[in-house]
Protein backbone atom coordinates (compact mmCIF):
# COMPACT_ATOMS: atom_id res chain seq x y z
CA MET A 1 -7.27 -43.88 109.93
CA ALA A 2 -7.47 -40.31 108.17
CA SER A 3 -8.26 -36.87 108.90
CA ASN A 4 -12.37 -36.13 108.23
CA LYS A 5 -10.57 -32.37 108.29
CA LEU A 6 -10.01 -31.31 104.53
CA HIS A 7 -7.84 -28.47 104.46
CA ILE A 8 -8.19 -26.04 101.10
CA SER A 9 -6.13 -23.04 99.84
CA TYR A 10 -7.05 -20.48 97.89
CA ASN A 11 -4.99 -21.69 94.77
CA GLN A 12 -7.41 -24.56 94.92
CA ILE A 13 -10.58 -22.54 95.07
CA HIS A 14 -9.25 -20.61 91.65
CA GLN A 15 -8.60 -23.23 89.51
CA LEU A 16 -11.94 -25.42 90.22
CA ILE A 17 -13.89 -21.86 90.10
CA ASP A 18 -12.05 -21.59 86.67
CA TYR A 19 -12.22 -25.34 85.37
CA ALA A 20 -16.47 -25.05 86.43
CA VAL A 21 -16.95 -21.93 84.41
CA LYS A 22 -15.54 -24.15 81.72
CA ARG A 23 -17.25 -27.44 82.05
CA PHE A 24 -20.10 -26.11 82.67
CA HIS A 25 -19.94 -23.22 79.74
CA LEU A 26 -20.64 -20.49 81.85
CA GLY A 27 -21.28 -16.95 80.25
CA ASP A 28 -22.71 -19.06 77.48
CA ASP A 29 -25.28 -21.83 78.15
CA TYR A 30 -26.28 -19.77 81.03
CA SER A 31 -25.25 -16.40 80.96
CA PRO A 32 -26.09 -14.97 84.57
CA ASP A 33 -26.58 -11.20 84.90
CA LEU A 34 -27.03 -10.82 88.57
CA MET A 35 -25.38 -12.97 91.08
CA ILE A 36 -26.57 -13.32 94.65
CA ALA A 37 -23.46 -14.47 97.35
CA ILE A 38 -24.94 -16.26 100.55
CA GLY A 39 -22.18 -14.97 103.03
CA GLY A 40 -20.02 -15.41 104.71
CA GLY A 41 -18.81 -18.90 102.04
CA GLY A 42 -19.62 -17.22 98.96
CA PHE A 43 -17.86 -13.50 98.77
CA ILE A 44 -14.85 -14.46 97.61
CA PRO A 45 -15.76 -17.65 96.08
CA ALA A 46 -18.19 -15.17 93.50
CA ARG A 47 -15.61 -12.37 93.43
CA ILE A 48 -13.15 -15.35 91.82
CA LEU A 49 -16.92 -16.51 89.51
CA ARG A 50 -17.86 -12.20 88.14
CA SER A 51 -13.63 -12.46 87.18
CA PHE A 52 -13.68 -15.51 84.82
CA LEU A 53 -16.76 -14.73 83.44
CA LYS A 54 -15.92 -10.83 82.75
CA ALA A 55 -13.31 -12.12 80.36
CA LYS A 56 -15.27 -13.94 77.92
CA HIS A 57 -17.92 -10.96 77.87
CA GLY A 58 -15.92 -7.90 79.00
CA ARG A 59 -18.79 -6.78 81.39
CA ASN A 60 -18.65 -6.66 85.56
CA ILE A 61 -21.54 -9.12 87.28
CA PRO A 62 -23.04 -6.73 90.09
CA ILE A 63 -23.27 -9.50 93.31
CA GLN A 64 -25.42 -8.45 95.73
CA ALA A 65 -24.74 -9.78 98.85
CA ILE A 66 -27.03 -12.08 101.92
CA GLY A 67 -26.63 -13.56 105.43
CA LEU A 68 -28.13 -17.06 105.74
CA SER A 69 -26.85 -18.49 108.77
CA LEU A 70 -27.62 -22.85 109.19
CA TYR A 71 -24.59 -23.77 111.68
CA GLU A 72 -24.72 -23.76 114.90
CA GLU A 73 -23.44 -20.86 116.81
CA LEU A 74 -20.43 -21.64 118.63
CA PRO A 75 -17.16 -19.86 120.05
CA ASN A 76 -14.98 -20.03 117.24
CA ALA A 77 -16.48 -22.47 114.63
CA GLY A 78 -15.27 -23.33 111.15
CA GLN A 79 -11.60 -22.53 112.90
CA ASP A 80 -8.47 -24.47 113.87
CA GLY A 81 -9.75 -27.50 115.81
CA VAL A 82 -14.15 -26.31 115.66
CA PRO A 83 -15.58 -28.07 113.57
CA GLU A 84 -19.15 -25.85 112.74
CA ILE A 85 -22.47 -28.41 113.49
CA PRO A 86 -24.65 -28.00 111.22
CA GLY A 87 -28.65 -26.62 113.18
CA VAL A 88 -32.30 -27.42 111.80
CA GLN A 89 -33.69 -23.71 110.84
CA VAL A 90 -31.79 -21.44 108.52
CA THR A 91 -32.02 -17.57 110.14
CA LYS A 92 -32.10 -14.93 107.59
CA THR A 93 -29.38 -11.99 109.33
CA GLN A 94 -29.08 -9.76 106.16
CA TRP A 95 -31.42 -9.97 102.37
CA LEU A 96 -30.90 -8.03 99.28
CA ASN A 97 -30.48 -4.47 99.00
CA PHE A 98 -33.86 -3.23 97.06
CA GLY A 99 -33.44 0.78 98.50
CA GLY A 100 -30.40 3.20 98.00
CA ALA A 101 -28.62 4.10 94.73
CA ASP A 102 -26.75 1.44 94.16
CA SER A 103 -30.40 -1.12 94.91
CA LEU A 104 -31.76 -3.39 92.29
CA VAL A 105 -34.76 -1.49 89.75
CA SER A 106 -36.31 -5.01 89.63
CA LEU A 107 -35.37 -9.22 90.01
CA LEU A 108 -37.91 -9.77 86.88
CA GLY A 109 -36.20 -11.38 83.78
CA ARG A 110 -33.12 -11.66 84.87
CA LYS A 111 -30.92 -14.61 84.79
CA ILE A 112 -30.05 -15.15 89.10
CA LEU A 113 -26.80 -17.70 89.89
CA ILE A 114 -26.18 -17.85 93.18
CA VAL A 115 -22.94 -18.45 94.91
CA ASP A 116 -21.74 -20.51 97.60
CA GLU A 117 -19.03 -22.09 99.04
CA VAL A 118 -20.70 -25.68 99.63
CA ASP A 119 -23.74 -27.33 99.79
CA ASP A 120 -24.29 -29.11 102.48
CA SER A 121 -27.97 -30.14 103.82
CA ARG A 122 -28.78 -28.07 100.71
CA LYS A 123 -31.38 -26.34 103.86
CA THR A 124 -29.47 -23.27 102.79
CA LEU A 125 -29.86 -23.42 98.91
CA VAL A 126 -33.77 -24.01 99.62
CA TYR A 127 -33.98 -21.26 101.76
CA ALA A 128 -32.98 -19.03 99.58
CA VAL A 129 -34.63 -20.01 96.73
CA ALA A 130 -37.82 -19.64 98.46
CA GLU A 131 -37.10 -15.87 99.55
CA LEU A 132 -36.32 -15.01 95.81
CA LEU A 133 -39.24 -17.25 94.27
CA LYS A 134 -40.67 -14.54 97.00
CA ASP A 135 -39.67 -11.63 95.98
CA ILE A 136 -40.07 -11.75 92.20
CA ARG A 137 -43.55 -12.81 92.93
CA ALA A 138 -44.02 -9.95 94.42
CA GLN A 139 -42.65 -8.18 91.86
CA GLU A 140 -44.60 -9.43 89.05
CA ILE A 141 -47.57 -9.20 90.92
CA GLN A 142 -46.34 -5.64 91.15
CA ALA A 143 -46.40 -4.81 87.24
CA GLY A 144 -49.56 -6.88 86.84
CA MET A 145 -47.82 -10.16 85.59
CA ASN A 146 -49.59 -13.91 86.61
CA PRO A 147 -46.88 -15.79 87.73
CA GLY A 148 -43.81 -17.21 85.53
CA GLU A 149 -44.56 -14.72 83.22
CA SER A 150 -41.53 -12.68 83.78
CA ASN A 151 -39.11 -15.74 82.65
CA THR A 152 -36.67 -14.73 85.79
CA GLU A 153 -34.47 -17.93 86.20
CA ILE A 154 -32.53 -18.94 89.48
CA GLY A 155 -29.26 -21.32 88.40
CA ILE A 156 -26.87 -22.15 91.58
CA PHE A 157 -22.99 -22.43 92.20
CA VAL A 158 -21.07 -24.23 94.29
CA VAL A 159 -17.63 -25.27 95.46
CA TYR A 160 -18.58 -27.98 96.53
CA ASN A 161 -20.93 -30.59 96.88
CA LYS A 162 -21.25 -32.83 99.54
CA ASP A 163 -21.63 -36.53 98.33
CA LYS A 164 -24.43 -37.27 100.90
CA PRO A 165 -27.93 -36.85 101.03
CA LYS A 166 -29.74 -33.58 101.30
CA ALA A 167 -31.76 -32.41 103.79
CA GLU A 168 -34.80 -31.22 101.17
CA GLU A 169 -34.67 -30.67 97.26
CA LEU A 170 -34.87 -27.84 95.11
CA PRO A 171 -37.16 -27.37 92.06
CA GLU A 172 -36.32 -29.01 88.96
CA ALA A 173 -36.08 -25.54 87.54
CA VAL A 174 -33.38 -24.85 89.26
CA MET A 175 -31.98 -27.40 89.28
CA ARG A 176 -31.38 -27.49 85.52
CA HIS A 177 -28.49 -25.04 86.41
CA TYR A 178 -27.14 -26.31 89.32
CA TYR A 179 -23.29 -25.90 88.70
CA PRO A 180 -21.42 -27.79 90.86
CA ALA A 181 -17.26 -26.69 90.80
CA ALA A 182 -16.30 -30.49 92.58
CA THR A 183 -17.93 -32.69 94.49
CA THR A 184 -16.23 -34.35 97.67
CA PRO A 185 -17.15 -37.00 100.40
CA ASP A 186 -19.47 -36.21 103.53
CA ARG A 187 -15.56 -34.06 105.42
CA TRP A 188 -14.88 -31.35 107.35
CA LEU A 189 -14.42 -28.76 104.57
CA PHE A 190 -11.40 -26.13 106.32
CA PHE A 191 -11.91 -23.34 104.09
CA PRO A 192 -8.54 -20.84 103.90
CA TRP A 193 -11.34 -17.65 104.92
CA ASP A 194 -11.30 -19.85 108.25
CA CYS A 195 -7.79 -19.77 108.65
CA THR A 196 -7.09 -17.74 111.93
CA THR A 197 -2.94 -19.19 112.18
CA ASP A 198 -0.58 -19.06 109.65
CA ILE A 199 -1.69 -19.52 106.25
CA GLY A 200 0.94 -20.70 105.24
CA VAL A 201 1.32 -23.99 106.83
CA HIS A 202 -2.79 -24.50 105.84
CA THR A 203 -1.52 -24.45 102.21
CA GLU A 204 0.60 -26.66 102.58
CA LEU A 205 -1.20 -29.11 104.91
CA SER A 206 -3.58 -28.74 101.82
CA LYS A 207 -1.51 -30.39 99.83
CA GLN A 208 -1.63 -33.14 101.88
CA ASP A 209 -5.22 -33.96 102.16
CA ILE A 210 -4.49 -35.47 98.52
CA TYR A 211 -3.97 -38.88 97.44
CA GLY A 212 0.04 -38.85 95.38
CA THR A 213 2.06 -36.01 94.87
CA VAL A 214 -0.32 -33.74 91.94
CA GLY A 215 0.02 -30.28 93.62
CA GLU A 216 -2.64 -28.52 94.14
CA GLY A 217 -6.10 -27.47 91.87
CA TRP A 218 -8.06 -31.12 93.06
CA HIS A 219 -8.13 -33.10 96.55
CA ARG A 220 -9.64 -36.37 97.26
CA GLN A 221 -10.12 -38.06 100.39
CA PRO A 222 -6.55 -40.53 101.74
CA SER A 223 -8.62 -43.55 101.58
CA VAL A 224 -10.22 -45.29 98.74
CA SER A 225 -13.65 -44.49 99.13
CA PRO A 226 -16.47 -46.65 97.13
CA GLU A 227 -17.57 -44.22 94.70
CA GLN A 228 -14.54 -44.25 93.74
CA ILE A 229 -13.99 -47.79 92.78
CA GLU A 230 -17.62 -48.28 90.85
CA SER A 231 -16.71 -45.29 89.07
CA LEU A 232 -13.89 -47.44 87.25
CA LYS A 233 -16.15 -49.70 87.14
CA ASP A 234 -19.03 -48.39 85.40
CA ALA A 235 -16.20 -46.98 83.03
CA ASN A 236 -14.27 -50.21 82.77
CA VAL A 237 -18.00 -51.63 81.08
CA THR A 238 -18.23 -49.13 78.85
CA LEU A 239 -14.96 -49.56 77.50
CA VAL A 240 -15.38 -52.96 76.76
CA SER A 241 -15.39 -52.71 73.54
CA GLY A 242 -12.86 -49.76 72.03
CA PHE A 243 -15.48 -49.15 68.53
CA VAL A 244 -17.29 -47.27 71.85
CA CYS A 245 -18.01 -43.79 70.01
CA LEU A 246 -16.29 -40.97 72.47
CA ALA A 247 -19.61 -39.65 73.71
CA ARG A 248 -20.62 -42.78 75.19
CA ILE A 249 -16.99 -42.75 78.15
CA ARG A 250 -17.15 -39.02 78.17
CA GLU A 251 -18.95 -39.24 81.55
CA PRO A 252 -18.23 -42.14 82.93
CA LEU A 253 -14.17 -41.26 82.92
CA GLY A 254 -15.31 -37.46 83.72
CA LEU A 255 -16.01 -39.72 86.47
CA VAL A 256 -13.15 -41.50 87.12
CA GLY A 257 -12.03 -37.97 86.93
CA GLY A 258 -13.58 -36.67 89.43
CA TYR A 259 -13.53 -39.34 92.59
CA TRP A 260 -9.72 -39.51 91.46
CA GLY A 261 -9.30 -36.11 91.94
CA MET A 262 -6.99 -35.90 88.85
CA ASP A 263 -6.49 -32.12 87.38
CA PRO A 264 -9.66 -30.17 86.31
CA GLU A 265 -7.84 -29.83 82.81
CA ILE A 266 -7.04 -33.56 82.11
CA ILE A 267 -11.77 -34.22 83.13
CA PHE A 268 -12.01 -30.92 80.80
CA GLN A 269 -10.50 -31.95 77.75
CA VAL A 270 -11.71 -36.03 78.37
CA SER A 271 -15.26 -34.22 79.58
CA ALA A 272 -15.78 -31.74 76.90
CA GLY A 273 -12.66 -31.12 74.56
CA SER A 274 -12.20 -32.18 71.31
CA PRO A 275 -11.32 -36.00 70.27
CA ARG A 276 -7.33 -34.64 69.82
CA THR A 277 -7.87 -33.12 73.65
CA ALA A 278 -10.36 -35.96 74.69
CA ILE A 279 -7.96 -38.73 73.81
CA ARG A 280 -4.81 -36.68 75.40
CA GLY A 281 -6.77 -36.85 78.40
CA ILE A 282 -7.45 -39.96 78.90
CA LEU A 283 -3.48 -40.88 78.21
CA ALA A 284 -3.15 -38.33 81.15
CA MET A 285 -5.46 -40.43 82.89
CA CYS A 286 -3.33 -43.24 82.84
CA ASP A 287 -0.76 -42.11 83.16
CA PHE A 288 -2.02 -40.49 86.77
CA LEU A 289 -3.55 -44.24 87.35
CA ALA A 290 -0.80 -45.81 86.13
CA LYS A 291 1.64 -44.27 89.02
CA LEU A 292 -0.94 -45.29 92.33
CA ARG A 293 -1.71 -48.84 90.80
CA GLY A 294 0.28 -51.03 93.54
CA SER A 295 -0.26 -48.83 95.80
CA PRO A 296 -0.15 -50.68 99.42
CA GLU A 297 -2.97 -48.18 100.93
CA LEU A 298 -4.93 -50.05 97.73
CA SER A 299 -7.05 -53.25 97.41
CA ASP A 300 -6.46 -55.61 95.16
CA GLU A 301 -9.96 -54.86 94.01
CA THR A 302 -8.89 -51.66 93.59
CA ASN A 303 -5.11 -52.25 90.79
CA SER A 304 -6.89 -54.15 89.14
CA GLN A 305 -10.22 -52.10 89.01
CA ILE A 306 -7.29 -49.97 87.57
CA THR A 307 -4.71 -52.16 85.02
CA LEU A 308 -8.05 -52.85 83.33
CA PHE A 309 -9.45 -50.14 83.35
CA ILE A 310 -5.57 -48.40 81.85
CA GLU A 311 -5.13 -51.60 79.63
CA ARG A 312 -9.04 -50.59 77.94
CA ALA A 313 -7.95 -47.40 77.53
CA ASN A 314 -5.09 -47.61 75.67
CA ILE A 315 -7.02 -49.81 73.58
CA TRP A 316 -9.35 -46.85 73.11
CA VAL A 317 -7.26 -44.91 71.96
CA ARG A 318 -4.96 -46.69 69.39
CA ILE A 319 -8.20 -47.41 67.71
CA ASN A 320 -9.95 -44.29 68.00
CA ASN A 321 -5.84 -42.23 67.19
CA ILE A 322 -7.46 -41.52 63.43
């Protein structure tokens, strides 16, 4: 049986953030002017994300740090062999700095992006948004504004969203700017900053925690999940006609790529690339799945769905490769 522990390397996080900026058009469709990193897991992702956003517009986005704790304070929690256990209540350990030379003059009118490493139960993110909305409302009152008149927007960026029911829900306005770089099964994510042994060994283990030998950059569970099979089935239904337009197949193909742990560049090609780029991505998906087909770890049903996907995807390419 596969271990519940998923090792994650710095390279994988860096590549996922790069992919997410391209996929979600961050800096264009939503261009934050303030980032709020939730400590401690959100600090490194926020710093990496700022570099990618600076590369687009040439300016550094200020980062504020807040401290929120949901996981139980166990000895060495999160380190080798000691999983973090979600608690019940969020605790505020550090909040925004409104005093001093580097203080925020105002939150009003800003596009704020909250950054964390993982969306697990969602309690921490809901708490952060609720507290931030209180601060925004207090500043609106101080400025003589009605609720919402400042047009302040809040978005969320997480490196990993765990595919599980959430304990709480975010406001609809925030979910419109919700950006998960990757969706992962509900497993223990062992991040590189939690490693207290040999980081080289940790990085090598991160390569083993993927299905197949595709190198770093995207992760998947060693055993096939129901979501992986369903994503193939949905894509095969969409591809039943080779004359279906590209716009209709982008989302189901992107989900196949995500659930099967394909390289972020492939997923970006099929999800948002030009027609020619999308075709290259589709062919790369077929090559990827062809290498897995026939594996003893795959059921007959999974192998059949892979075969059907490859056949229908190639037919679509032949018809549409003009």
